[in-house]
PDB file of all heavy atoms in Angstrom:
ATOM      1  N   ASP A   1       0.848  -1.188   0.000  1.00  0.00           N
ATOM      2  CA  ASP A   1       0.000   0.000   0.000  1.00  0.00           C
ATOM      3  C   ASP A   1       0.888   1.243   0.000  1.00  0.00           C
ATOM      4  O   ASP A   1       1.095   1.876   1.033  1.00  0.00           O
ATOM      5  CB  ASP A   1      -0.911  -0.031   1.230  1.00  0.00           C
ATOM      6  CG  ASP A   1      -1.954   1.075   1.206  1.00  0.00           C
ATOM      7  OD1 ASP A   1      -2.179   1.659   0.125  1.00  0.00           O
ATOM      8  OD2 ASP A   1      -2.530   1.356   2.272  1.00  0.00           O
ATOM      9  N   TYR A   2       1.384   1.611  -1.177  1.00  0.00           N
ATOM     10  CA  TYR A   2       2.292   2.759  -1.268  1.00  0.00           C
ATOM     11  C   TYR A   2       1.650   3.954  -1.963  1.00  0.00           C
ATOM     12  O   TYR A   2       2.326   4.891  -2.390  1.00  0.00           O
ATOM     13  CB  TYR A   2       3.607   2.369  -1.966  1.00  0.00           C
ATOM     14  CG  TYR A   2       3.485   1.950  -3.418  1.00  0.00           C
ATOM     15  CD1 TYR A   2       3.877   2.806  -4.428  1.00  0.00           C
ATOM     16  CD2 TYR A   2       3.000   0.686  -3.765  1.00  0.00           C
ATOM     17  CE1 TYR A   2       3.782   2.438  -5.764  1.00  0.00           C
ATOM     18  CE2 TYR A   2       2.908   0.302  -5.082  1.00  0.00           C
ATOM     19  CZ  TYR A   2       3.298   1.179  -6.073  1.00  0.00           C
ATOM     20  OH  TYR A   2       3.196   0.794  -7.400  1.00  0.00           O
ATOM     21  N   GLY A   3       0.323   3.922  -2.062  1.00  0.00           N
ATOM     22  CA  GLY A   3      -0.405   5.074  -2.578  1.00  0.00           C
ATOM     23  C   GLY A   3      -0.728   5.029  -4.051  1.00  0.00           C
ATOM     24  O   GLY A   3      -1.383   5.925  -4.572  1.00  0.00           O
ATOM     25  N   VAL A   4      -0.288   3.980  -4.744  1.00  0.00           N
ATOM     26  CA  VAL A   4      -0.548   3.851  -6.180  1.00  0.00           C
ATOM     27  C   VAL A   4      -0.968   2.416  -6.460  1.00  0.00           C
ATOM     28  O   VAL A   4      -0.294   1.484  -6.031  1.00  0.00           O
ATOM     29  CB  VAL A   4       0.707   4.185  -7.019  1.00  0.00           C
ATOM     30  CG1 VAL A   4       0.427   3.976  -8.501  1.00  0.00           C
ATOM     31  CG2 VAL A   4       1.161   5.624  -6.768  1.00  0.00           C
ATOM     32  N   GLY A   5      -2.075   2.259  -7.162  1.00  0.00           N
ATOM     33  CA  GLY A   5      -2.439   0.902  -7.551  1.00  0.00           C
ATOM     34  C   GLY A   5      -3.860   0.544  -7.177  1.00  0.00           C
ATOM     35  O   GLY A   5      -4.481   1.159  -6.307  1.00  0.00           O
ATOM     36  N   ASN A   6      -4.339  -0.475  -7.833  1.00  0.00           N
ATOM     37  CA  ASN A   6      -5.701  -0.938  -7.643  1.00  0.00           C
ATOM     38  C   ASN A   6      -5.716  -1.943  -6.497  1.00  0.00           C
ATOM     39  O   ASN A   6      -6.008  -3.130  -6.676  1.00  0.00           O
ATOM     40  CB  ASN A   6      -6.182  -1.577  -8.958  1.00  0.00           C
ATOM     41  CG  ASN A   6      -7.676  -1.735  -9.009  1.00  0.00           C
ATOM     42  OD1 ASN A   6      -8.395  -1.128  -8.223  1.00  0.00           O
ATOM     43  ND2 ASN A   6      -8.143  -2.551  -9.923  1.00  0.00           N
ATOM     44  N   VAL A   7      -5.409  -1.466  -5.282  1.00  0.00           N
ATOM     45  CA  VAL A   7      -5.077  -2.376  -4.188  1.00  0.00           C
ATOM     46  C   VAL A   7      -6.270  -3.187  -3.691  1.00  0.00           C
ATOM     47  O   VAL A   7      -6.123  -4.361  -3.345  1.00  0.00           O
ATOM     48  CB  VAL A   7      -4.428  -1.614  -3.011  1.00  0.00           C
ATOM     49  CG1 VAL A   7      -3.060  -1.104  -3.416  1.00  0.00           C
ATOM     50  CG2 VAL A   7      -5.307  -0.480  -2.519  1.00  0.00           C
ATOM     51  N   ARG A   8      -7.452  -2.597  -3.644  1.00  0.00           N
ATOM     52  CA  ARG A   8      -8.599  -3.305  -3.075  1.00  0.00           C
ATOM     53  C   ARG A   8      -8.993  -4.499  -3.925  1.00  0.00           C
ATOM     54  O   ARG A   8      -9.307  -5.569  -3.398  1.00  0.00           O
ATOM     55  CB  ARG A   8      -9.780  -2.350  -2.907  1.00  0.00           C
ATOM     56  CG  ARG A   8      -9.540  -1.237  -1.906  1.00  0.00           C
ATOM     57  CD  ARG A   8      -9.319  -1.782  -0.497  1.00  0.00           C
ATOM     58  NE  ARG A   8      -8.978  -0.725   0.456  1.00  0.00           N
ATOM     59  CZ  ARG A   8      -8.667  -0.933   1.716  1.00  0.00           C
ATOM     60  NH1 ARG A   8      -8.632  -2.173   2.180  1.00  0.00           N
ATOM     61  NH2 ARG A   8      -8.354   0.083   2.515  1.00  0.00           N
ATOM     62  N   SER A   9      -8.987  -4.329  -5.246  1.00  0.00           N
ATOM     63  CA  SER A   9      -9.349  -5.449  -6.107  1.00  0.00           C
ATOM     64  C   SER A   9      -8.281  -6.533  -6.077  1.00  0.00           C
ATOM     65  O   SER A   9      -8.579  -7.723  -6.207  1.00  0.00           O
ATOM     66  CB  SER A   9      -9.595  -4.980  -7.547  1.00  0.00           C
ATOM     67  OG  SER A   9      -8.454  -4.364  -8.083  1.00  0.00           O
ATOM     68  N   VAL A  10      -7.012  -6.135  -5.878  1.00  0.00           N
ATOM     69  CA  VAL A  10      -5.938  -7.129  -5.751  1.00  0.00           C
ATOM     70  C   VAL A  10      -6.112  -7.928  -4.461  1.00  0.00           C
ATOM     71  O   VAL A  10      -5.962  -9.145  -4.443  1.00  0.00           O
ATOM     72  CB  VAL A  10      -4.553  -6.452  -5.781  1.00  0.00           C
ATOM     73  CG1 VAL A  10      -3.448  -7.469  -5.515  1.00  0.00           C
ATOM     74  CG2 VAL A  10      -4.316  -5.773  -7.127  1.00  0.00           C
ATOM     75  N   VAL A  11      -6.460  -7.238  -3.383  1.00  0.00           N
ATOM     76  CA  VAL A  11      -6.709  -7.923  -2.114  1.00  0.00           C
ATOM     77  C   VAL A  11      -7.848  -8.928  -2.271  1.00  0.00           C
ATOM     78  O   VAL A  11      -7.747 -10.087  -1.847  1.00  0.00           O
ATOM     79  CB  VAL A  11      -7.040  -6.915  -0.996  1.00  0.00           C
ATOM     80  CG1 VAL A  11      -7.587  -7.634   0.228  1.00  0.00           C
ATOM     81  CG2 VAL A  11      -5.800  -6.118  -0.618  1.00  0.00           C
ATOM     82  N   ARG A  12      -8.932  -8.506  -2.909  1.00  0.00           N
ATOM     83  CA  ARG A  12     -10.080  -9.404  -3.080  1.00  0.00           C
ATOM     84  C   ARG A  12      -9.715 -10.623  -3.911  1.00  0.00           C
ATOM     85  O   ARG A  12     -10.148 -11.749  -3.611  1.00  0.00           O
ATOM     86  CB  ARG A  12     -11.240  -8.648  -3.730  1.00  0.00           C
ATOM     87  CG  ARG A  12     -11.916  -7.642  -2.795  1.00  0.00           C
ATOM     88  CD  ARG A  12     -13.240  -7.171  -3.355  1.00  0.00           C
ATOM     89  NE  ARG A  12     -13.075  -6.418  -4.592  1.00  0.00           N
ATOM     90  CZ  ARG A  12     -12.904  -5.102  -4.640  1.00  0.00           C
ATOM     91  NH1 ARG A  12     -12.851  -4.385  -3.528  1.00  0.00           N
ATOM     92  NH2 ARG A  12     -12.780  -4.488  -5.794  1.00  0.00           N
ATOM     93  N   MET A  13      -8.924 -10.429  -4.978  1.00  0.00           N
ATOM     94  CA  MET A  13      -8.518 -11.553  -5.808  1.00  0.00           C
ATOM     95  C   MET A  13      -7.671 -12.546  -5.024  1.00  0.00           C
ATOM     96  O   MET A  13      -7.852 -13.766  -5.120  1.00  0.00           O
ATOM     97  CB  MET A  13      -7.739 -11.057  -7.028  1.00  0.00           C
ATOM     98  CG  MET A  13      -7.139 -12.169  -7.891  1.00  0.00           C
ATOM     99  SD  MET A  13      -8.374 -13.290  -8.592  1.00  0.00           S
ATOM    100  CE  MET A  13      -9.052 -12.264  -9.887  1.00  0.00           C
ATOM    101  N   CYS A  14      -6.736 -12.040  -4.212  1.00  0.00           N
ATOM    102  CA  CYS A  14      -5.889 -12.924  -3.409  1.00  0.00           C
ATOM    103  C   CYS A  14      -6.718 -13.698  -2.388  1.00  0.00           C
ATOM    104  O   CYS A  14      -6.484 -14.897  -2.164  1.00  0.00           O
ATOM    105  CB  CYS A  14      -4.801 -12.123  -2.701  1.00  0.00           C
ATOM    106  SG  CYS A  14      -3.549 -11.454  -3.792  1.00  0.00           S
ATOM    107  N   GLU A  15      -7.678 -13.030  -1.789  1.00  0.00           N
ATOM    108  CA  GLU A  15      -8.557 -13.715  -0.838  1.00  0.00           C
ATOM    109  C   GLU A  15      -9.367 -14.793  -1.535  1.00  0.00           C
ATOM    110  O   GLU A  15      -9.541 -15.901  -1.008  1.00  0.00           O
ATOM    111  CB  GLU A  15      -9.474 -12.699  -0.164  1.00  0.00           C
ATOM    112  CG  GLU A  15      -8.752 -11.766   0.796  1.00  0.00           C
ATOM    113  CD  GLU A  15      -9.648 -10.683   1.344  1.00  0.00           C
ATOM    114  OE1 GLU A  15     -10.694 -10.387   0.725  1.00  0.00           O
ATOM    115  OE2 GLU A  15      -9.305 -10.111   2.403  1.00  0.00           O
ATOM    116  N   LYS A  16      -9.849 -14.485  -2.725  1.00  0.00           N
ATOM    117  CA  LYS A  16     -10.617 -15.461  -3.488  1.00  0.00           C
ATOM    118  C   LYS A  16      -9.763 -16.667  -3.864  1.00  0.00           C
ATOM    119  O   LYS A  16     -10.257 -17.800  -3.939  1.00  0.00           O
ATOM    120  CB  LYS A  16     -11.178 -14.800  -4.749  1.00  0.00           C
ATOM    121  CG  LYS A  16     -12.212 -15.638  -5.488  1.00  0.00           C
ATOM    122  CD  LYS A  16     -12.809 -14.843  -6.631  1.00  0.00           C
ATOM    123  CE  LYS A  16     -13.863 -15.676  -7.367  1.00  0.00           C
ATOM    124  NZ  LYS A  16     -14.441 -14.919  -8.517  1.00  0.00           N
ATOM    125  N   ALA A  17      -8.473 -16.413  -4.073  1.00  0.00           N
ATOM    126  CA  ALA A  17      -7.547 -17.496  -4.420  1.00  0.00           C
ATOM    127  C   ALA A  17      -7.104 -18.300  -3.202  1.00  0.00           C
ATOM    128  O   ALA A  17      -6.370 -19.273  -3.333  1.00  0.00           O
ATOM    129  CB  ALA A  17      -6.326 -16.926  -5.134  1.00  0.00           C
ATOM    130  N   GLY A  18      -7.536 -17.873  -2.010  1.00  0.00           N
ATOM    131  CA  GLY A  18      -7.271 -18.650  -0.807  1.00  0.00           C
ATOM    132  C   GLY A  18      -6.148 -18.143   0.071  1.00  0.00           C
ATOM    133  O   GLY A  18      -5.729 -18.836   1.002  1.00  0.00           O
ATOM    134  N   ALA A  19      -5.659 -16.930  -0.185  1.00  0.00           N
ATOM    135  CA  ALA A  19      -4.545 -16.394   0.594  1.00  0.00           C
ATOM    136  C   ALA A  19      -5.041 -15.582   1.784  1.00  0.00           C
ATOM    137  O   ALA A  19      -6.126 -14.998   1.757  1.00  0.00           O
ATOM    138  CB  ALA A  19      -3.660 -15.524  -0.283  1.00  0.00           C
ATOM    139  N   ASP A  20      -4.233 -15.532   2.836  1.00  0.00           N
ATOM    140  CA  ASP A  20      -4.427 -14.576   3.919  1.00  0.00           C
ATOM    141  C   ASP A  20      -3.714 -13.287   3.502  1.00  0.00           C
ATOM    142  O   ASP A  20      -2.498 -13.293   3.299  1.00  0.00           O
ATOM    143  CB  ASP A  20      -3.829 -15.100   5.225  1.00  0.00           C
ATOM    144  CG  ASP A  20      -4.569 -16.320   5.733  1.00  0.00           C
ATOM    145  OD1 ASP A  20      -5.790 -16.381   5.554  1.00  0.00           O
ATOM    146  OD2 ASP A  20      -3.914 -17.217   6.291  1.00  0.00           O
ATOM    147  N   VAL A  21      -4.453 -12.210   3.386  1.00  0.00           N
ATOM    148  CA  VAL A  21      -3.915 -10.989   2.766  1.00  0.00           C
ATOM    149  C   VAL A  21      -3.896  -9.838   3.751  1.00  0.00           C
ATOM    150  O   VAL A  21      -4.839  -9.627   4.511  1.00  0.00           O
ATOM    151  CB  VAL A  21      -4.768 -10.582   1.536  1.00  0.00           C
ATOM    152  CG1 VAL A  21      -4.080  -9.459   0.766  1.00  0.00           C
ATOM    153  CG2 VAL A  21      -5.000 -11.768   0.631  1.00  0.00           C
ATOM    154  N   VAL A  22      -2.800  -9.071   3.703  1.00  0.00           N
ATOM    155  CA  VAL A  22      -2.659  -7.856   4.493  1.00  0.00           C
ATOM    156  C   VAL A  22      -2.335  -6.711   3.536  1.00  0.00           C
ATOM    157  O   VAL A  22      -1.494  -6.862   2.645  1.00  0.00           O
ATOM    158  CB  VAL A  22      -1.536  -7.996   5.538  1.00  0.00           C
ATOM    159  CG1 VAL A  22      -1.320  -6.679   6.277  1.00  0.00           C
ATOM    160  CG2 VAL A  22      -1.846  -9.111   6.519  1.00  0.00           C
ATOM    161  N   LEU A  23      -2.990  -5.586   3.715  1.00  0.00           N
ATOM    162  CA  LEU A  23      -2.689  -4.372   2.959  1.00  0.00           C
ATOM    163  C   LEU A  23      -1.819  -3.492   3.842  1.00  0.00           C
ATOM    164  O   LEU A  23      -2.265  -3.025   4.887  1.00  0.00           O
ATOM    165  CB  LEU A  23      -3.985  -3.661   2.587  1.00  0.00           C
ATOM    166  CG  LEU A  23      -3.889  -2.386   1.740  1.00  0.00           C
ATOM    167  CD1 LEU A  23      -3.244  -2.677   0.402  1.00  0.00           C
ATOM    168  CD2 LEU A  23      -5.280  -1.782   1.555  1.00  0.00           C
ATOM    169  N   SER A  24      -0.556  -3.277   3.442  1.00  0.00           N
ATOM    170  CA  SER A  24       0.370  -2.597   4.349  1.00  0.00           C
ATOM    171  C   SER A  24       1.547  -1.987   3.596  1.00  0.00           C
ATOM    172  O   SER A  24       1.913  -2.436   2.503  1.00  0.00           O
ATOM    173  CB  SER A  24       0.904  -3.597   5.385  1.00  0.00           C
ATOM    174  OG  SER A  24       1.804  -2.968   6.278  1.00  0.00           O
ATOM    175  N   SER A  25       2.155  -0.970   4.233  1.00  0.00           N
ATOM    176  CA  SER A  25       3.439  -0.436   3.779  1.00  0.00           C
ATOM    177  C   SER A  25       4.461  -0.468   4.916  1.00  0.00           C
ATOM    178  O   SER A  25       5.558   0.074   4.779  1.00  0.00           O
ATOM    179  CB  SER A  25       3.269   1.006   3.269  1.00  0.00           C
ATOM    180  OG  SER A  25       2.759   1.844   4.289  1.00  0.00           O
ATOM    181  N   ASP A  26       4.084  -1.080   6.037  1.00  0.00           N
ATOM    182  CA  ASP A  26       4.979  -1.184   7.177  1.00  0.00           C
ATOM    183  C   ASP A  26       6.197  -2.047   6.833  1.00  0.00           C
ATOM    184  O   ASP A  26       6.060  -3.160   6.311  1.00  0.00           O
ATOM    185  CB  ASP A  26       4.233  -1.795   8.370  1.00  0.00           C
ATOM    186  CG  ASP A  26       5.125  -1.925   9.591  1.00  0.00           C
ATOM    187  OD1 ASP A  26       5.202  -0.960  10.365  1.00  0.00           O
ATOM    188  OD2 ASP A  26       5.746  -3.003   9.755  1.00  0.00           O
ATOM    189  N   LYS A  27       7.376  -1.537   7.112  1.00  0.00           N
ATOM    190  CA  LYS A  27       8.621  -2.199   6.730  1.00  0.00           C
ATOM    191  C   LYS A  27       8.680  -3.637   7.238  1.00  0.00           C
ATOM    192  O   LYS A  27       9.021  -4.567   6.484  1.00  0.00           O
ATOM    193  CB  LYS A  27       9.805  -1.402   7.273  1.00  0.00           C
ATOM    194  CG  LYS A  27      11.148  -2.085   7.085  1.00  0.00           C
ATOM    195  CD  LYS A  27      12.277  -1.250   7.677  1.00  0.00           C
ATOM    196  CE  LYS A  27      13.617  -1.983   7.542  1.00  0.00           C
ATOM    197  NZ  LYS A  27      14.733  -1.171   8.110  1.00  0.00           N
ATOM    198  N   HIS A  28       8.378  -3.846   8.505  1.00  0.00           N
ATOM    199  CA  HIS A  28       8.526  -5.176   9.089  1.00  0.00           C
ATOM    200  C   HIS A  28       7.494  -6.149   8.531  1.00  0.00           C
ATOM    201  O   HIS A  28       7.787  -7.326   8.324  1.00  0.00           O
ATOM    202  CB  HIS A  28       8.426  -5.080  10.613  1.00  0.00           C
ATOM    203  CG  HIS A  28       9.468  -4.204  11.224  1.00  0.00           C
ATOM    204  ND1 HIS A  28      10.798  -4.542  11.247  1.00  0.00           N
ATOM    205  CD2 HIS A  28       9.377  -2.969  11.799  1.00  0.00           C
ATOM    206  CE1 HIS A  28      11.492  -3.575  11.838  1.00  0.00           C
ATOM    207  NE2 HIS A  28      10.653  -2.612  12.178  1.00  0.00           N
ATOM    208  N   VAL A  29       6.300  -5.645   8.257  1.00  0.00           N
ATOM    209  CA  VAL A  29       5.266  -6.483   7.669  1.00  0.00           C
ATOM    210  C   VAL A  29       5.643  -6.872   6.244  1.00  0.00           C
ATOM    211  O   VAL A  29       5.519  -8.029   5.841  1.00  0.00           O
ATOM    212  CB  VAL A  29       3.906  -5.759   7.695  1.00  0.00           C
ATOM    213  CG1 VAL A  29       2.839  -6.573   6.970  1.00  0.00           C
ATOM    214  CG2 VAL A  29       3.477  -5.494   9.129  1.00  0.00           C
ATOM    215  N   VAL A  30       6.127  -5.902   5.480  1.00  0.00           N
ATOM    216  CA  VAL A  30       6.512  -6.140   4.088  1.00  0.00           C
ATOM    217  C   VAL A  30       7.663  -7.136   4.005  1.00  0.00           C
ATOM    218  O   VAL A  30       7.647  -8.071   3.188  1.00  0.00           O
ATOM    219  CB  VAL A  30       6.891  -4.817   3.399  1.00  0.00           C
ATOM    220  CG1 VAL A  30       7.559  -5.069   2.052  1.00  0.00           C
ATOM    221  CG2 VAL A  30       5.658  -3.943   3.216  1.00  0.00           C
ATOM    222  N   LEU A  31       8.665  -6.971   4.852  1.00  0.00           N
ATOM    223  CA  LEU A  31       9.822  -7.862   4.800  1.00  0.00           C
ATOM    224  C   LEU A  31       9.508  -9.253   5.342  1.00  0.00           C
ATOM    225  O   LEU A  31      10.111 -10.238   4.920  1.00  0.00           O
ATOM    226  CB  LEU A  31      10.993  -7.259   5.585  1.00  0.00           C
ATOM    227  CG  LEU A  31      11.642  -6.016   4.968  1.00  0.00           C
ATOM    228  CD1 LEU A  31      12.738  -5.481   5.884  1.00  0.00           C
ATOM    229  CD2 LEU A  31      12.212  -6.324   3.588  1.00  0.00           C
ATOM    230  N   GLY A  32       8.563  -9.352   6.254  1.00  0.00           N
ATOM    231  CA  GLY A  32       8.281 -10.627   6.880  1.00  0.00           C
ATOM    232  C   GLY A  32       7.297 -11.502   6.149  1.00  0.00           C
ATOM    233  O   GLY A  32       7.176 -12.697   6.449  1.00  0.00           O
ATOM    234  N   ALA A  33       6.598 -10.958   5.164  1.00  0.00           N
ATOM    235  CA  ALA A  33       5.553 -11.707   4.474  1.00  0.00           C
ATOM    236  C   ALA A  33       6.142 -12.781   3.569  1.00  0.00           C
ATOM    237  O   ALA A  33       7.265 -12.670   3.075  1.00  0.00           O
ATOM    238  CB  ALA A  33       4.701 -10.757   3.645  1.00  0.00           C
ATOM    239  N   ALA A  34       5.333 -13.797   3.329  1.00  0.00           N
ATOM    240  CA  ALA A  34       5.747 -14.854   2.395  1.00  0.00           C
ATOM    241  C   ALA A  34       5.800 -14.316   0.972  1.00  0.00           C
ATOM    242  O   ALA A  34       6.677 -14.683   0.188  1.00  0.00           O
ATOM    243  CB  ALA A  34       4.789 -16.028   2.487  1.00  0.00           C
ATOM    244  N   GLY A  35       4.850 -13.457   0.624  1.00  0.00           N
ATOM    245  CA  GLY A  35       4.814 -12.894  -0.716  1.00  0.00           C
ATOM    246  C   GLY A  35       4.396 -11.436  -0.686  1.00  0.00           C
ATOM    247  O   GLY A  35       3.560 -11.037   0.130  1.00  0.00           O
ATOM    248  N   LEU A  36       4.982 -10.638  -1.571  1.00  0.00           N
ATOM    249  CA  LEU A  36       4.661  -9.207  -1.678  1.00  0.00           C
ATOM    250  C   LEU A  36       4.153  -8.919  -3.083  1.00  0.00           C
ATOM    251  O   LEU A  36       4.822  -9.246  -4.071  1.00  0.00           O
ATOM    252  CB  LEU A  36       5.904  -8.360  -1.410  1.00  0.00           C
ATOM    253  CG  LEU A  36       5.735  -6.847  -1.604  1.00  0.00           C
ATOM    254  CD1 LEU A  36       4.800  -6.267  -0.549  1.00  0.00           C
ATOM    255  CD2 LEU A  36       7.091  -6.144  -1.573  1.00  0.00           C
ATOM    256  N   ILE A  37       2.985  -8.307  -3.171  1.00  0.00           N
ATOM    257  CA  ILE A  37       2.448  -7.874  -4.460  1.00  0.00           C
ATOM    258  C   ILE A  37       2.605  -6.364  -4.583  1.00  0.00           C
ATOM    259  O   ILE A  37       2.244  -5.613  -3.675  1.00  0.00           O
ATOM    260  CB  ILE A  37       0.970  -8.272  -4.612  1.00  0.00           C
ATOM    261  CG1 ILE A  37       0.837  -9.795  -4.606  1.00  0.00           C
ATOM    262  CG2 ILE A  37       0.386  -7.694  -5.902  1.00  0.00           C
ATOM    263  CD1 ILE A  37      -0.578 -10.302  -4.789  1.00  0.00           C
ATOM    264  N   VAL A  38       3.167  -5.937  -5.716  1.00  0.00           N
ATOM    265  CA  VAL A  38       3.395  -4.514  -5.988  1.00  0.00           C
ATOM    266  C   VAL A  38       2.492  -4.097  -7.149  1.00  0.00           C
ATOM    267  O   VAL A  38       2.839  -4.280  -8.309  1.00  0.00           O
ATOM    268  CB  VAL A  38       4.873  -4.244  -6.336  1.00  0.00           C
ATOM    269  CG1 VAL A  38       5.106  -2.738  -6.535  1.00  0.00           C
ATOM    270  CG2 VAL A  38       5.800  -4.792  -5.267  1.00  0.00           C
ATOM    271  N   PRO A  39       1.290  -3.567  -6.851  1.00  0.00           N
ATOM    272  CA  PRO A  39       0.415  -3.103  -7.935  1.00  0.00           C
ATOM    273  C   PRO A  39       0.987  -1.836  -8.554  1.00  0.00           C
ATOM    274  O   PRO A  39       1.779  -1.130  -7.925  1.00  0.00           O
ATOM    275  CB  PRO A  39      -0.910  -2.807  -7.214  1.00  0.00           C
ATOM    276  CG  PRO A  39      -0.761  -3.312  -5.821  1.00  0.00           C
ATOM    277  CD  PRO A  39       0.699  -3.329  -5.532  1.00  0.00           C
ATOM    278  N   GLY A  40       0.561  -1.548  -9.770  1.00  0.00           N
ATOM    279  CA  GLY A  40       1.001  -0.318 -10.402  1.00  0.00           C
ATOM    280  C   GLY A  40      -0.042   0.194 -11.363  1.00  0.00           C
ATOM    281  O   GLY A  40      -0.342  -0.460 -12.359  1.00  0.00           O
ATOM    282  N   VAL A  41      -0.634   1.338 -11.072  1.00  0.00           N
ATOM    283  CA  VAL A  41      -1.628   1.962 -11.943  1.00  0.00           C
ATOM    284  C   VAL A  41      -1.225   3.417 -12.143  1.00  0.00           C
ATOM    285  O   VAL A  41      -0.865   4.108 -11.190  1.00  0.00           O
ATOM    286  CB  VAL A  41      -3.042   1.889 -11.333  1.00  0.00           C
ATOM    287  CG1 VAL A  41      -4.026   2.687 -12.170  1.00  0.00           C
ATOM    288  CG2 VAL A  41      -3.504   0.440 -11.229  1.00  0.00           C
ATOM    289  N   GLY A  42      -1.283   3.883 -13.385  1.00  0.00           N
ATOM    290  CA  GLY A  42      -0.906   5.264 -13.671  1.00  0.00           C
ATOM    291  C   GLY A  42       0.327   5.313 -14.541  1.00  0.00           C
ATOM    292  O   GLY A  42       0.626   4.385 -15.285  1.00  0.00           O
ATOM    293  N   ASP A  43       1.077   6.396 -14.447  1.00  0.00           N
ATOM    294  CA  ASP A  43       2.261   6.536 -15.290  1.00  0.00           C
ATOM    295  C   ASP A  43       3.515   6.086 -14.550  1.00  0.00           C
ATOM    296  O   ASP A  43       3.559   6.015 -13.321  1.00  0.00           O
ATOM    297  CB  ASP A  43       2.410   7.985 -15.773  1.00  0.00           C
ATOM    298  CG  ASP A  43       2.675   8.955 -14.638  1.00  0.00           C
ATOM    299  OD1 ASP A  43       3.846   9.145 -14.273  1.00  0.00           O
ATOM    300  OD2 ASP A  43       1.694   9.510 -14.094  1.00  0.00           O
ATOM    301  N   PHE A  44       4.538   5.796 -15.315  1.00  0.00           N
ATOM    302  CA  PHE A  44       5.794   5.232 -14.820  1.00  0.00           C
ATOM    303  C   PHE A  44       6.421   6.106 -13.736  1.00  0.00           C
ATOM    304  O   PHE A  44       6.778   5.625 -12.657  1.00  0.00           O
ATOM    305  CB  PHE A  44       6.748   5.075 -16.005  1.00  0.00           C
ATOM    306  CG  PHE A  44       8.053   4.397 -15.705  1.00  0.00           C
ATOM    307  CD1 PHE A  44       8.191   3.030 -15.839  1.00  0.00           C
ATOM    308  CD2 PHE A  44       9.168   5.135 -15.332  1.00  0.00           C
ATOM    309  CE1 PHE A  44       9.395   2.401 -15.588  1.00  0.00           C
ATOM    310  CE2 PHE A  44      10.379   4.527 -15.073  1.00  0.00           C
ATOM    311  CZ  PHE A  44      10.500   3.155 -15.210  1.00  0.00           C
TER     312      PHE A  44
END
């Protein structure tokens, strides 16, 4: 959750796929997770 991206729909898709999902930008949470998704919407 870094302020850019279609984060809510990504969270819903991951939940639908069976994952436990957290929306976060906290350093310790990001580094400790099994997987990190980096959405990107807008310009480069």
